[in-house]
Amino acid sequence: MAKGKKLSSLSDLGGMVYSTNDNFEPEQDEAMESLSPNEQHLEAHLEKKGRGGKVAVIMKGFEGPEDDLKDLAKAIKNHCATGGSVKGGEIIIQGNVRDKAMDFLKNKGYKVKRVGG
């Protein structure tokens, strides 16, 4: 924090609030549960913007914790025999493997919609 800067709200403390109460216990965030595959509505996008002309499949719409998203991404990448990553709640798969990835997800029980080209 810059010298001489005044605090105008509690958020200026960086999300920390100090208490002198010895019995204070912070609220626990409830763990987000994954929806079952048949309740998930995923979208399969095909993009090549900002990738040096290379194509990538973007899976959007997964609802659940980050760990479950990473596990699903790993399973898709293994099935498609390609690389990829998880960023911003989306699964990014390298290459034009949209049909293969969609078939894999449909066999697992997910509802997948093709979006774009």
PDB file of N, CA and C in Angstrom:
ATOM      1  N   MET A   1       0.855  -1.165   0.000  1.00  0.00           N
ATOM      2  CA  MET A   1       0.000   0.000   0.000  1.00  0.00           C
ATOM      3  C   MET A   1       0.900   1.226   0.000  1.00  0.00           C
ATOM      4  N   ALA A   2       0.541   2.214  -0.807  1.00  0.00           N
ATOM      5  CA  ALA A   2       1.343   3.423  -0.927  1.00  0.00           C
ATOM      6  C   ALA A   2       1.319   4.216   0.372  1.00  0.00           C
ATOM      7  N   LYS A   3       2.417   4.869   0.630  1.00  0.00           N
ATOM      8  CA  LYS A   3       2.515   5.678   1.844  1.00  0.00           C
ATOM      9  C   LYS A   3       1.564   6.864   1.752  1.00  0.00           C
ATOM     10  N   GLY A   4       0.789   7.091   2.785  1.00  0.00           N
ATOM     11  CA  GLY A   4      -0.134   8.208   2.820  1.00  0.00           C
ATOM     12  C   GLY A   4      -1.506   7.889   2.254  1.00  0.00           C
ATOM     13  N   LYS A   5      -1.707   6.690   1.713  1.00  0.00           N
ATOM     14  CA  LYS A   5      -3.009   6.328   1.151  1.00  0.00           C
ATOM     15  C   LYS A   5      -3.962   6.001   2.291  1.00  0.00           C
ATOM     16  N   LYS A   6      -5.162   6.571   2.213  1.00  0.00           N
ATOM     17  CA  LYS A   6      -6.140   6.325   3.263  1.00  0.00           C
ATOM     18  C   LYS A   6      -7.065   5.195   2.868  1.00  0.00           C
ATOM     19  N   LEU A   7      -7.497   4.446   3.857  1.00  0.00           N
ATOM     20  CA  LEU A   7      -8.436   3.357   3.634  1.00  0.00           C
ATOM     21  C   LEU A   7      -9.841   3.928   3.579  1.00  0.00           C
ATOM     22  N   SER A   8     -10.569   3.565   2.533  1.00  0.00           N
ATOM     23  CA  SER A   8     -11.931   4.077   2.405  1.00  0.00           C
ATOM     24  C   SER A   8     -12.975   3.004   2.676  1.00  0.00           C
ATOM     25  N   SER A   9     -12.554   1.730   2.662  1.00  0.00           N
ATOM     26  CA  SER A   9     -13.497   0.651   2.956  1.00  0.00           C
ATOM     27  C   SER A   9     -12.726  -0.572   3.443  1.00  0.00           C
ATOM     28  N   LEU A  10     -13.458  -1.579   3.906  1.00  0.00           N
ATOM     29  CA  LEU A  10     -12.815  -2.800   4.385  1.00  0.00           C
ATOM     30  C   LEU A  10     -12.127  -3.566   3.257  1.00  0.00           C
ATOM     31  N   SER A  11     -12.611  -3.401   2.030  1.00  0.00           N
ATOM     32  CA  SER A  11     -11.985  -4.108   0.912  1.00  0.00           C
ATOM     33  C   SER A  11     -10.567  -3.598   0.656  1.00  0.00           C
ATOM     34  N   ASP A  12     -10.250  -2.385   1.112  1.00  0.00           N
ATOM     35  CA  ASP A  12      -8.900  -1.844   0.963  1.00  0.00           C
ATOM     36  C   ASP A  12      -7.891  -2.599   1.830  1.00  0.00           C
ATOM     37  N   LEU A  13      -8.366  -3.375   2.794  1.00  0.00           N
ATOM     38  CA  LEU A  13      -7.478  -4.178   3.638  1.00  0.00           C
ATOM     39  C   LEU A  13      -7.049  -5.470   2.939  1.00  0.00           C
ATOM     40  N   GLY A  14      -7.541  -5.694   1.743  1.00  0.00           N
ATOM     41  CA  GLY A  14      -7.152  -6.884   1.007  1.00  0.00           C
ATOM     42  C   GLY A  14      -7.966  -8.110   1.373  1.00  0.00           C
ATOM     43  N   GLY A  15      -9.183  -7.935   1.811  1.00  0.00           N
ATOM     44  CA  GLY A  15     -10.047  -9.057   2.128  1.00  0.00           C
ATOM     45  C   GLY A  15      -9.844  -9.610   3.534  1.00  0.00           C
ATOM     46  N   MET A  16      -8.960  -9.014   4.292  1.00  0.00           N
ATOM     47  CA  MET A  16      -8.707  -9.494   5.652  1.00  0.00           C
ATOM     48  C   MET A  16      -9.408  -8.570   6.647  1.00  0.00           C
ATOM     49  N   VAL A  17     -10.038  -9.160   7.621  1.00  0.00           N
ATOM     50  CA  VAL A  17     -10.661  -8.399   8.692  1.00  0.00           C
ATOM     51  C   VAL A  17     -10.122  -8.972   9.992  1.00  0.00           C
ATOM     52  N   TYR A  18      -9.682  -8.108  10.873  1.00  0.00           N
ATOM     53  CA  TYR A  18      -9.097  -8.532  12.125  1.00  0.00           C
ATOM     54  C   TYR A  18     -10.125  -8.416  13.246  1.00  0.00           C
ATOM     55  N   SER A  19     -10.098  -9.405  14.159  1.00  0.00           N
ATOM     56  CA  SER A  19     -11.052  -9.422  15.254  1.00  0.00           C
ATOM     57  C   SER A  19     -10.314  -9.651  16.562  1.00  0.00           C
ATOM     58  N   THR A  20     -10.819  -9.032  17.618  1.00  0.00           N
ATOM     59  CA  THR A  20     -10.246  -9.266  18.940  1.00  0.00           C
ATOM     60  C   THR A  20     -11.041 -10.309  19.702  1.00  0.00           C
ATOM     61  N   ASN A  21     -12.094 -10.847  19.096  1.00  0.00           N
ATOM     62  CA  ASN A  21     -12.926 -11.865  19.722  1.00  0.00           C
ATOM     63  C   ASN A  21     -12.183 -13.196  19.696  1.00  0.00           C
ATOM     64  N   ASP A  22     -11.930 -13.784  20.885  1.00  0.00           N
ATOM     65  CA  ASP A  22     -11.205 -15.050  20.974  1.00  0.00           C
ATOM     66  C   ASP A  22     -12.020 -16.220  20.435  1.00  0.00           C
ATOM     67  N   ASN A  23     -13.339 -16.106  20.428  1.00  0.00           N
ATOM     68  CA  ASN A  23     -14.205 -17.208  19.992  1.00  0.00           C
ATOM     69  C   ASN A  23     -14.635 -17.076  18.527  1.00  0.00           C
ATOM     70  N   PHE A  24     -14.067 -16.134  17.807  1.00  0.00           N
ATOM     71  CA  PHE A  24     -14.462 -15.897  16.418  1.00  0.00           C
ATOM     72  C   PHE A  24     -13.987 -17.038  15.526  1.00  0.00           C
ATOM     73  N   GLU A  25     -14.908 -17.547  14.701  1.00  0.00           N
ATOM     74  CA  GLU A  25     -14.552 -18.560  13.716  1.00  0.00           C
ATOM     75  C   GLU A  25     -15.050 -18.079  12.361  1.00  0.00           C
ATOM     76  N   PRO A  26     -14.167 -18.036  11.369  1.00  0.00           N
ATOM     77  CA  PRO A  26     -14.588 -17.561  10.047  1.00  0.00           C
ATOM     78  C   PRO A  26     -15.571 -18.521   9.404  1.00  0.00           C
ATOM     79  N   GLU A  27     -16.440 -17.955   8.548  1.00  0.00           N
ATOM     80  CA  GLU A  27     -17.410 -18.785   7.846  1.00  0.00           C
ATOM     81  C   GLU A  27     -16.689 -19.655   6.827  1.00  0.00           C
ATOM     82  N   GLN A  28     -17.110 -20.889   6.731  1.00  0.00           N
ATOM     83  CA  GLN A  28     -16.512 -21.800   5.763  1.00  0.00           C
ATOM     84  C   GLN A  28     -17.313 -21.747   4.477  1.00  0.00           C
ATOM     85  N   ASP A  29     -16.622 -21.628   3.346  1.00  0.00           N
ATOM     86  CA  ASP A  29     -17.302 -21.668   2.062  1.00  0.00           C
ATOM     87  C   ASP A  29     -17.769 -23.093   1.806  1.00  0.00           C
ATOM     88  N   GLU A  30     -19.016 -23.201   1.342  1.00  0.00           N
ATOM     89  CA  GLU A  30     -19.523 -24.528   1.025  1.00  0.00           C
ATOM     90  C   GLU A  30     -18.841 -25.014  -0.243  1.00  0.00           C
ATOM     91  N   ALA A  31     -18.438 -26.277  -0.221  1.00  0.00           N
ATOM     92  CA  ALA A  31     -17.777 -26.851  -1.388  1.00  0.00           C
ATOM     93  C   ALA A  31     -18.792 -26.996  -2.519  1.00  0.00           C
ATOM     94  N   MET A  32     -18.418 -26.523  -3.687  1.00  0.00           N
ATOM     95  CA  MET A  32     -19.291 -26.612  -4.841  1.00  0.00           C
ATOM     96  C   MET A  32     -19.307 -28.047  -5.340  1.00  0.00           C
ATOM     97  N   GLU A  33     -20.477 -28.578  -5.555  1.00  0.00           N
ATOM     98  CA  GLU A  33     -20.588 -29.947  -6.036  1.00  0.00           C
ATOM     99  C   GLU A  33     -20.797 -29.943  -7.538  1.00  0.00           C
ATOM    100  N   SER A  34     -20.255 -30.957  -8.190  1.00  0.00           N
ATOM    101  CA  SER A  34     -20.455 -31.097  -9.627  1.00  0.00           C
ATOM    102  C   SER A  34     -21.848 -31.625  -9.898  1.00  0.00           C
ATOM    103  N   LEU A  35     -22.428 -31.121 -10.959  1.00  0.00           N
ATOM    104  CA  LEU A  35     -23.683 -31.695 -11.422  1.00  0.00           C
ATOM    105  C   LEU A  35     -23.364 -33.031 -12.069  1.00  0.00           C
ATOM    106  N   SER A  36     -24.326 -33.920 -12.085  1.00  0.00           N
ATOM    107  CA  SER A  36     -24.097 -35.193 -12.753  1.00  0.00           C
ATOM    108  C   SER A  36     -23.950 -34.941 -14.253  1.00  0.00           C
ATOM    109  N   PRO A  37     -23.270 -35.828 -14.980  1.00  0.00           N
ATOM    110  CA  PRO A  37     -23.051 -35.596 -16.408  1.00  0.00           C
ATOM    111  C   PRO A  37     -24.329 -35.335 -17.204  1.00  0.00           C
ATOM    112  N   ASN A  38     -25.427 -36.004 -16.860  1.00  0.00           N
ATOM    113  CA  ASN A  38     -26.646 -35.801 -17.642  1.00  0.00           C
ATOM    114  C   ASN A  38     -27.304 -34.448 -17.352  1.00  0.00           C
ATOM    115  N   GLU A  39     -26.833 -33.705 -16.342  1.00  0.00           N
ATOM    116  CA  GLU A  39     -27.350 -32.373 -16.043  1.00  0.00           C
ATOM    117  C   GLU A  39     -26.440 -31.271 -16.591  1.00  0.00           C
ATOM    118  N   GLN A  40     -25.259 -31.646 -17.088  1.00  0.00           N
ATOM    119  CA  GLN A  40     -24.304 -30.680 -17.622  1.00  0.00           C
ATOM    120  C   GLN A  40     -24.650 -30.341 -19.071  1.00  0.00           C
ATOM    121  N   HIS A  41     -24.590 -29.085 -19.418  1.00  0.00           N
ATOM    122  CA  HIS A  41     -24.819 -28.626 -20.792  1.00  0.00           C
ATOM    123  C   HIS A  41     -23.543 -27.943 -21.266  1.00  0.00           C
ATOM    124  N   LEU A  42     -22.746 -28.651 -22.047  1.00  0.00           N
ATOM    125  CA  LEU A  42     -21.473 -28.131 -22.530  1.00  0.00           C
ATOM    126  C   LEU A  42     -21.600 -27.629 -23.962  1.00  0.00           C
ATOM    127  N   GLU A  43     -20.742 -26.688 -24.319  1.00  0.00           N
ATOM    128  CA  GLU A  43     -20.688 -26.163 -25.676  1.00  0.00           C
ATOM    129  C   GLU A  43     -19.295 -26.428 -26.227  1.00  0.00           C
ATOM    130  N   ALA A  44     -19.230 -26.942 -27.462  1.00  0.00           N
ATOM    131  CA  ALA A  44     -17.954 -27.222 -28.118  1.00  0.00           C
ATOM    132  C   ALA A  44     -17.716 -26.172 -29.198  1.00  0.00           C
ATOM    133  N   HIS A  45     -16.754 -25.286 -28.953  1.00  0.00           N
ATOM    134  CA  HIS A  45     -16.409 -24.217 -29.890  1.00  0.00           C
ATOM    135  C   HIS A  45     -15.125 -24.590 -30.623  1.00  0.00           C
ATOM    136  N   LEU A  46     -15.007 -24.153 -31.871  1.00  0.00           N
ATOM    137  CA  LEU A  46     -13.790 -24.340 -32.651  1.00  0.00           C
ATOM    138  C   LEU A  46     -13.212 -22.952 -32.897  1.00  0.00           C
ATOM    139  N   GLU A  47     -11.987 -22.713 -32.429  1.00  0.00           N
ATOM    140  CA  GLU A  47     -11.384 -21.389 -32.542  1.00  0.00           C
ATOM    141  C   GLU A  47      -9.962 -21.479 -33.071  1.00  0.00           C
ATOM    142  N   LYS A  48      -9.551 -20.419 -33.769  1.00  0.00           N
ATOM    143  CA  LYS A  48      -8.143 -20.301 -34.134  1.00  0.00           C
ATOM    144  C   LYS A  48      -7.631 -18.879 -33.964  1.00  0.00           C
ATOM    145  N   LYS A  49      -8.419 -18.027 -33.321  1.00  0.00           N
ATOM    146  CA  LYS A  49      -7.991 -16.661 -33.052  1.00  0.00           C
ATOM    147  C   LYS A  49      -6.889 -16.657 -31.988  1.00  0.00           C
ATOM    148  N   GLY A  50      -5.864 -15.885 -32.242  1.00  0.00           N
ATOM    149  CA  GLY A  50      -4.808 -15.709 -31.245  1.00  0.00           C
ATOM    150  C   GLY A  50      -3.980 -16.943 -30.994  1.00  0.00           C
ATOM    151  N   ARG A  51      -3.994 -17.885 -31.929  1.00  0.00           N
ATOM    152  CA  ARG A  51      -3.252 -19.127 -31.737  1.00  0.00           C
ATOM    153  C   ARG A  51      -2.277 -19.376 -32.887  1.00  0.00           C
ATOM    154  N   GLY A  52      -1.897 -18.325 -33.572  1.00  0.00           N
ATOM    155  CA  GLY A  52      -0.954 -18.465 -34.666  1.00  0.00           C
ATOM    156  C   GLY A  52      -1.504 -19.275 -35.822  1.00  0.00           C
ATOM    157  N   GLY A  53      -2.803 -19.217 -36.044  1.00  0.00           N
ATOM    158  CA  GLY A  53      -3.423 -19.960 -37.135  1.00  0.00           C
ATOM    159  C   GLY A  53      -3.756 -21.397 -36.797  1.00  0.00           C
ATOM    160  N   LYS A  54      -3.395 -21.839 -35.606  1.00  0.00           N
ATOM    161  CA  LYS A  54      -3.681 -23.216 -35.210  1.00  0.00           C
ATOM    162  C   LYS A  54      -5.078 -23.319 -34.606  1.00  0.00           C
ATOM    163  N   VAL A  55      -5.699 -24.459 -34.786  1.00  0.00           N
ATOM    164  CA  VAL A  55      -7.076 -24.673 -34.347  1.00  0.00           C
ATOM    165  C   VAL A  55      -7.081 -25.281 -32.944  1.00  0.00           C
ATOM    166  N   ALA A  56      -8.057 -24.884 -32.154  1.00  0.00           N
ATOM    167  CA  ALA A  56      -8.256 -25.455 -30.824  1.00  0.00           C
ATOM    168  C   ALA A  56      -9.746 -25.605 -30.570  1.00  0.00           C
ATOM    169  N   VAL A  57     -10.096 -26.610 -29.797  1.00  0.00           N
ATOM    170  CA  VAL A  57     -11.474 -26.846 -29.390  1.00  0.00           C
ATOM    171  C   VAL A  57     -11.620 -26.296 -27.974  1.00  0.00           C
ATOM    172  N   ILE A  58     -12.639 -25.481 -27.751  1.00  0.00           N
ATOM    173  CA  ILE A  58     -12.909 -24.899 -26.435  1.00  0.00           C
ATOM    174  C   ILE A  58     -14.218 -25.477 -25.923  1.00  0.00           C
ATOM    175  N   MET A  59     -14.173 -26.138 -24.778  1.00  0.00           N
ATOM    176  CA  MET A  59     -15.373 -26.681 -24.131  1.00  0.00           C
ATOM    177  C   MET A  59     -15.785 -25.709 -23.029  1.00  0.00           C
ATOM    178  N   LYS A  60     -16.976 -25.161 -23.144  1.00  0.00           N
ATOM    179  CA  LYS A  60     -17.483 -24.183 -22.186  1.00  0.00           C
ATOM    180  C   LYS A  60     -18.742 -24.720 -21.518  1.00  0.00           C
ATOM    181  N   GLY A  61     -19.039 -24.187 -20.328  1.00  0.00           N
ATOM    182  CA  GLY A  61     -20.300 -24.478 -19.665  1.00  0.00           C
ATOM    183  C   GLY A  61     -20.231 -25.491 -18.545  1.00  0.00           C
ATOM    184  N   PHE A  62     -19.048 -25.982 -18.187  1.00  0.00           N
ATOM    185  CA  PHE A  62     -18.953 -26.964 -17.102  1.00  0.00           C
ATOM    186  C   PHE A  62     -19.261 -26.286 -15.778  1.00  0.00           C
ATOM    187  N   GLU A  63     -20.099 -26.924 -14.971  1.00  0.00           N
ATOM    188  CA  GLU A  63     -20.449 -26.401 -13.652  1.00  0.00           C
ATOM    189  C   GLU A  63     -19.959 -27.370 -12.595  1.00  0.00           C
ATOM    190  N   GLY A  64     -19.049 -26.907 -11.766  1.00  0.00           N
ATOM    191  CA  GLY A  64     -18.507 -27.745 -10.718  1.00  0.00           C
ATOM    192  C   GLY A  64     -17.141 -27.234 -10.291  1.00  0.00           C
ATOM    193  N   PRO A  65     -16.517 -27.941  -9.357  1.00  0.00           N
ATOM    194  CA  PRO A  65     -15.213 -27.504  -8.851  1.00  0.00           C
ATOM    195  C   PRO A  65     -14.109 -27.647  -9.910  1.00  0.00           C
ATOM    196  N   GLU A  66     -13.064 -26.884  -9.720  1.00  0.00           N
ATOM    197  CA  GLU A  66     -11.935 -26.852 -10.652  1.00  0.00           C
ATOM    198  C   GLU A  66     -11.274 -28.227 -10.786  1.00  0.00           C
ATOM    199  N   ASP A  67     -11.206 -28.985  -9.690  1.00  0.00           N
ATOM    200  CA  ASP A  67     -10.577 -30.314  -9.742  1.00  0.00           C
ATOM    201  C   ASP A  67     -11.335 -31.250 -10.679  1.00  0.00           C
ATOM    202  N   ASP A  68     -12.671 -31.209 -10.640  1.00  0.00           N
ATOM    203  CA  ASP A  68     -13.468 -32.061 -11.528  1.00  0.00           C
ATOM    204  C   ASP A  68     -13.291 -31.632 -12.983  1.00  0.00           C
ATOM    205  N   LEU A  69     -13.168 -30.332 -13.212  1.00  0.00           N
ATOM    206  CA  LEU A  69     -12.942 -29.821 -14.556  1.00  0.00           C
ATOM    207  C   LEU A  69     -11.593 -30.309 -15.086  1.00  0.00           C
ATOM    208  N   LYS A  70     -10.579 -30.273 -14.235  1.00  0.00           N
ATOM    209  CA  LYS A  70      -9.251 -30.743 -14.639  1.00  0.00           C
ATOM    210  C   LYS A  70      -9.254 -32.240 -14.931  1.00  0.00           C
ATOM    211  N   ASP A  71      -9.986 -33.006 -14.135  1.00  0.00           N
ATOM    212  CA  ASP A  71     -10.083 -34.451 -14.383  1.00  0.00           C
ATOM    213  C   ASP A  71     -10.767 -34.744 -15.709  1.00  0.00           C
ATOM    214  N   LEU A  72     -11.829 -34.010 -16.002  1.00  0.00           N
ATOM    215  CA  LEU A  72     -12.536 -34.190 -17.265  1.00  0.00           C
ATOM    216  C   LEU A  72     -11.637 -33.800 -18.436  1.00  0.00           C
ATOM    217  N   ALA A  73     -10.912 -32.710 -18.298  1.00  0.00           N
ATOM    218  CA  ALA A  73     -10.001 -32.271 -19.358  1.00  0.00           C
ATOM    219  C   ALA A  73      -8.932 -33.329 -19.619  1.00  0.00           C
ATOM    220  N   LYS A  74      -8.410 -33.903 -18.563  1.00  0.00           N
ATOM    221  CA  LYS A  74      -7.383 -34.943 -18.707  1.00  0.00           C
ATOM    222  C   LYS A  74      -7.939 -36.150 -19.452  1.00  0.00           C
ATOM    223  N   ALA A  75      -9.167 -36.546 -19.122  1.00  0.00           N
ATOM    224  CA  ALA A  75      -9.790 -37.690 -19.789  1.00  0.00           C
ATOM    225  C   ALA A  75     -10.013 -37.407 -21.273  1.00  0.00           C
ATOM    226  N   ILE A  76     -10.457 -36.195 -21.598  1.00  0.00           N
ATOM    227  CA  ILE A  76     -10.682 -35.832 -23.004  1.00  0.00           C
ATOM    228  C   ILE A  76      -9.351 -35.816 -23.761  1.00  0.00           C
ATOM    229  N   LYS A  77      -8.324 -35.220 -23.156  1.00  0.00           N
ATOM    230  CA  LYS A  77      -7.022 -35.142 -23.819  1.00  0.00           C
ATOM    231  C   LYS A  77      -6.446 -36.540 -24.055  1.00  0.00           C
ATOM    232  N   ASN A  78      -6.610 -37.430 -23.093  1.00  0.00           N
ATOM    233  CA  ASN A  78      -6.126 -38.801 -23.270  1.00  0.00           C
ATOM    234  C   ASN A  78      -6.883 -39.500 -24.392  1.00  0.00           C
ATOM    235  N   HIS A  79      -8.195 -39.324 -24.429  1.00  0.00           N
ATOM    236  CA  HIS A  79      -9.010 -39.974 -25.459  1.00  0.00           C
ATOM    237  C   HIS A  79      -8.658 -39.454 -26.850  1.00  0.00           C
ATOM    238  N   CYS A  80      -8.437 -38.145 -26.967  1.00  0.00           N
ATOM    239  CA  CYS A  80      -8.138 -37.539 -28.267  1.00  0.00           C
ATOM    240  C   CYS A  80      -6.650 -37.602 -28.617  1.00  0.00           C
ATOM    241  N   ALA A  81      -5.828 -38.052 -27.697  1.00  0.00           N
ATOM    242  CA  ALA A  81      -4.377 -38.163 -27.890  1.00  0.00           C
ATOM    243  C   ALA A  81      -3.774 -36.826 -28.313  1.00  0.00           C
ATOM    244  N   THR A  82      -4.099 -35.781 -27.548  1.00  0.00           N
ATOM    245  CA  THR A  82      -3.605 -34.448 -27.859  1.00  0.00           C
ATOM    246  C   THR A  82      -3.362 -33.676 -26.570  1.00  0.00           C
ATOM    247  N   GLY A  83      -2.792 -32.507 -26.694  1.00  0.00           N
ATOM    248  CA  GLY A  83      -2.528 -31.662 -25.540  1.00  0.00           C
ATOM    249  C   GLY A  83      -3.665 -30.697 -25.294  1.00  0.00           C
ATOM    250  N   GLY A  84      -3.509 -29.915 -24.254  1.00  0.00           N
ATOM    251  CA  GLY A  84      -4.521 -28.931 -23.930  1.00  0.00           C
ATOM    252  C   GLY A  84      -4.316 -28.392 -22.534  1.00  0.00           C
ATOM    253  N   SER A  85      -5.282 -27.602 -22.080  1.00  0.00           N
ATOM    254  CA  SER A  85      -5.186 -27.008 -20.755  1.00  0.00           C
ATOM    255  C   SER A  85      -6.572 -26.614 -20.264  1.00  0.00           C
ATOM    256  N   VAL A  86      -6.596 -26.138 -19.021  1.00  0.00           N
ATOM    257  CA  VAL A  86      -7.821 -25.610 -18.420  1.00  0.00           C
ATOM    258  C   VAL A  86      -7.526 -24.175 -18.012  1.00  0.00           C
ATOM    259  N   LYS A  87      -8.297 -23.236 -18.556  1.00  0.00           N
ATOM    260  CA  LYS A  87      -8.116 -21.823 -18.222  1.00  0.00           C
ATOM    261  C   LYS A  87      -9.475 -21.151 -18.117  1.00  0.00           C
ATOM    262  N   GLY A  88      -9.680 -20.419 -17.070  1.00  0.00           N
ATOM    263  CA  GLY A  88     -10.902 -19.631 -16.930  1.00  0.00           C
ATOM    264  C   GLY A  88     -12.173 -20.452 -16.950  1.00  0.00           C
ATOM    265  N   GLY A  89     -12.131 -21.672 -16.422  1.00  0.00           N
ATOM    266  CA  GLY A  89     -13.323 -22.513 -16.395  1.00  0.00           C
ATOM    267  C   GLY A  89     -13.640 -23.164 -17.728  1.00  0.00           C
ATOM    268  N   GLU A  90     -12.700 -23.125 -18.662  1.00  0.00           N
ATOM    269  CA  GLU A  90     -12.894 -23.713 -19.986  1.00  0.00           C
ATOM    270  C   GLU A  90     -11.804 -24.754 -20.248  1.00  0.00           C
ATOM    271  N   ILE A  91     -12.166 -25.777 -21.001  1.00  0.00           N
ATOM    272  CA  ILE A  91     -11.202 -26.789 -21.413  1.00  0.00           C
ATOM    273  C   ILE A  91     -10.744 -26.427 -22.819  1.00  0.00           C
ATOM    274  N   ILE A  92      -9.437 -26.290 -23.000  1.00  0.00           N
ATOM    275  CA  ILE A  92      -8.864 -25.977 -24.304  1.00  0.00           C
ATOM    276  C   ILE A  92      -8.119 -27.215 -24.785  1.00  0.00           C
ATOM    277  N   ILE A  93      -8.513 -27.721 -25.959  1.00  0.00           N
ATOM    278  CA  ILE A  93      -7.896 -28.923 -26.519  1.00  0.00           C
ATOM    279  C   ILE A  93      -7.254 -28.548 -27.844  1.00  0.00           C
ATOM    280  N   GLN A  94      -6.005 -28.934 -28.023  1.00  0.00           N
ATOM    281  CA  GLN A  94      -5.274 -28.588 -29.228  1.00  0.00           C
ATOM    282  C   GLN A  94      -5.738 -29.425 -30.408  1.00  0.00           C
ATOM    283  N   GLY A  95      -5.881 -28.788 -31.545  1.00  0.00           N
ATOM    284  CA  GLY A  95      -6.215 -29.484 -32.780  1.00  0.00           C
ATOM    285  C   GLY A  95      -7.709 -29.511 -33.065  1.00  0.00           C
ATOM    286  N   ASN A  96      -8.035 -29.948 -34.279  1.00  0.00           N
ATOM    287  CA  ASN A  96      -9.426 -30.034 -34.715  1.00  0.00           C
ATOM    288  C   ASN A  96      -9.982 -31.420 -34.367  1.00  0.00           C
ATOM    289  N   VAL A  97     -10.251 -31.632 -33.086  1.00  0.00           N
ATOM    290  CA  VAL A  97     -10.753 -32.925 -32.606  1.00  0.00           C
ATOM    291  C   VAL A  97     -12.132 -32.762 -31.965  1.00  0.00           C
ATOM    292  N   ARG A  98     -12.888 -31.784 -32.443  1.00  0.00           N
ATOM    293  CA  ARG A  98     -14.178 -31.475 -31.831  1.00  0.00           C
ATOM    294  C   ARG A  98     -15.126 -32.669 -31.881  1.00  0.00           C
ATOM    295  N   ASP A  99     -15.250 -33.320 -33.045  1.00  0.00           N
ATOM    296  CA  ASP A  99     -16.176 -34.449 -33.162  1.00  0.00           C
ATOM    297  C   ASP A  99     -15.783 -35.591 -32.232  1.00  0.00           C
ATOM    298  N   LYS A 100     -14.496 -35.883 -32.161  1.00  0.00           N
ATOM    299  CA  LYS A 100     -14.012 -36.961 -31.290  1.00  0.00           C
ATOM    300  C   LYS A 100     -14.282 -36.630 -29.816  1.00  0.00           C
ATOM    301  N   ALA A 101     -14.034 -35.379 -29.435  1.00  0.00           N
ATOM    302  CA  ALA A 101     -14.267 -34.954 -28.049  1.00  0.00           C
ATOM    303  C   ALA A 101     -15.759 -34.973 -27.721  1.00  0.00           C
ATOM    304  N   MET A 102     -16.590 -34.526 -28.679  1.00  0.00           N
ATOM    305  CA  MET A 102     -18.038 -34.520 -28.449  1.00  0.00           C
ATOM    306  C   MET A 102     -18.571 -35.944 -28.300  1.00  0.00           C
ATOM    307  N   ASP A 103     -18.107 -36.871 -29.127  1.00  0.00           N
ATOM    308  CA  ASP A 103     -18.534 -38.268 -29.014  1.00  0.00           C
ATOM    309  C   ASP A 103     -18.142 -38.851 -27.661  1.00  0.00           C
ATOM    310  N   PHE A 104     -16.923 -38.538 -27.206  1.00  0.00           N
ATOM    311  CA  PHE A 104     -16.453 -39.025 -25.913  1.00  0.00           C
ATOM    312  C   PHE A 104     -17.352 -38.515 -24.788  1.00  0.00           C
ATOM    313  N   LEU A 105     -17.663 -37.213 -24.818  1.00  0.00           N
ATOM    314  CA  LEU A 105     -18.499 -36.626 -23.768  1.00  0.00           C
ATOM    315  C   LEU A 105     -19.924 -37.171 -23.812  1.00  0.00           C
ATOM    316  N   LYS A 106     -20.459 -37.376 -25.008  1.00  0.00           N
ATOM    317  CA  LYS A 106     -21.812 -37.930 -25.126  1.00  0.00           C
ATOM    318  C   LYS A 106     -21.865 -39.348 -24.566  1.00  0.00           C
ATOM    319  N   ASN A 107     -20.810 -40.138 -24.815  1.00  0.00           N
ATOM    320  CA  ASN A 107     -20.756 -41.501 -24.272  1.00  0.00           C
ATOM    321  C   ASN A 107     -20.666 -41.502 -22.748  1.00  0.00           C
ATOM    322  N   LYS A 108     -20.087 -40.425 -22.179  1.00  0.00           N
ATOM    323  CA  LYS A 108     -20.004 -40.282 -20.721  1.00  0.00           C
ATOM    324  C   LYS A 108     -21.308 -39.759 -20.124  1.00  0.00           C
ATOM    325  N   GLY A 109     -22.256 -39.320 -20.980  1.00  0.00           N
ATOM    326  CA  GLY A 109     -23.548 -38.858 -20.489  1.00  0.00           C
ATOM    327  C   GLY A 109     -23.736 -37.354 -20.504  1.00  0.00           C
ATOM    328  N   TYR A 110     -22.737 -36.601 -20.974  1.00  0.00           N
ATOM    329  CA  TYR A 110     -22.853 -35.146 -21.033  1.00  0.00           C
ATOM    330  C   TYR A 110     -23.702 -34.733 -22.229  1.00  0.00           C
ATOM    331  N   LYS A 111     -24.375 -33.601 -22.094  1.00  0.00           N
ATOM    332  CA  LYS A 111     -25.112 -33.019 -23.208  1.00  0.00           C
ATOM    333  C   LYS A 111     -24.189 -31.980 -23.847  1.00  0.00           C
ATOM    334  N   VAL A 112     -23.804 -32.217 -25.097  1.00  0.00           N
ATOM    335  CA  VAL A 112     -22.845 -31.362 -25.768  1.00  0.00           C
ATOM    336  C   VAL A 112     -23.483 -30.753 -27.002  1.00  0.00           C
ATOM    337  N   LYS A 113     -23.286 -29.449 -27.163  1.00  0.00           N
ATOM    338  CA  LYS A 113     -23.837 -28.734 -28.315  1.00  0.00           C
ATOM    339  C   LYS A 113     -22.680 -28.174 -29.131  1.00  0.00           C
ATOM    340  N   ARG A 114     -22.748 -28.366 -30.445  1.00  0.00           N
ATOM    341  CA  ARG A 114     -21.739 -27.814 -31.353  1.00  0.00           C
ATOM    342  C   ARG A 114     -22.069 -26.347 -31.592  1.00  0.00           C
ATOM    343  N   VAL A 115     -21.071 -25.468 -31.407  1.00  0.00           N
ATOM    344  CA  VAL A 115     -21.251 -24.029 -31.569  1.00  0.00           C
ATOM    345  C   VAL A 115     -20.233 -23.515 -32.572  1.00  0.00           C
ATOM    346  N   GLY A 116     -20.697 -22.798 -33.570  1.00  0.00           N
ATOM    347  CA  GLY A 116     -19.802 -22.219 -34.571  1.00  0.00           C
ATOM    348  C   GLY A 116     -19.356 -23.238 -35.608  1.00  0.00           C
ATOM    349  N   GLY A 117     -18.645 -22.758 -36.635  1.00  0.00           N
ATOM    350  CA  GLY A 117     -18.132 -23.512 -37.780  1.00  0.00           C
ATOM    351  C   GLY A 117     -17.968 -24.902 -37.542  1.00  0.00           C
TER     352      GLY A 117
END
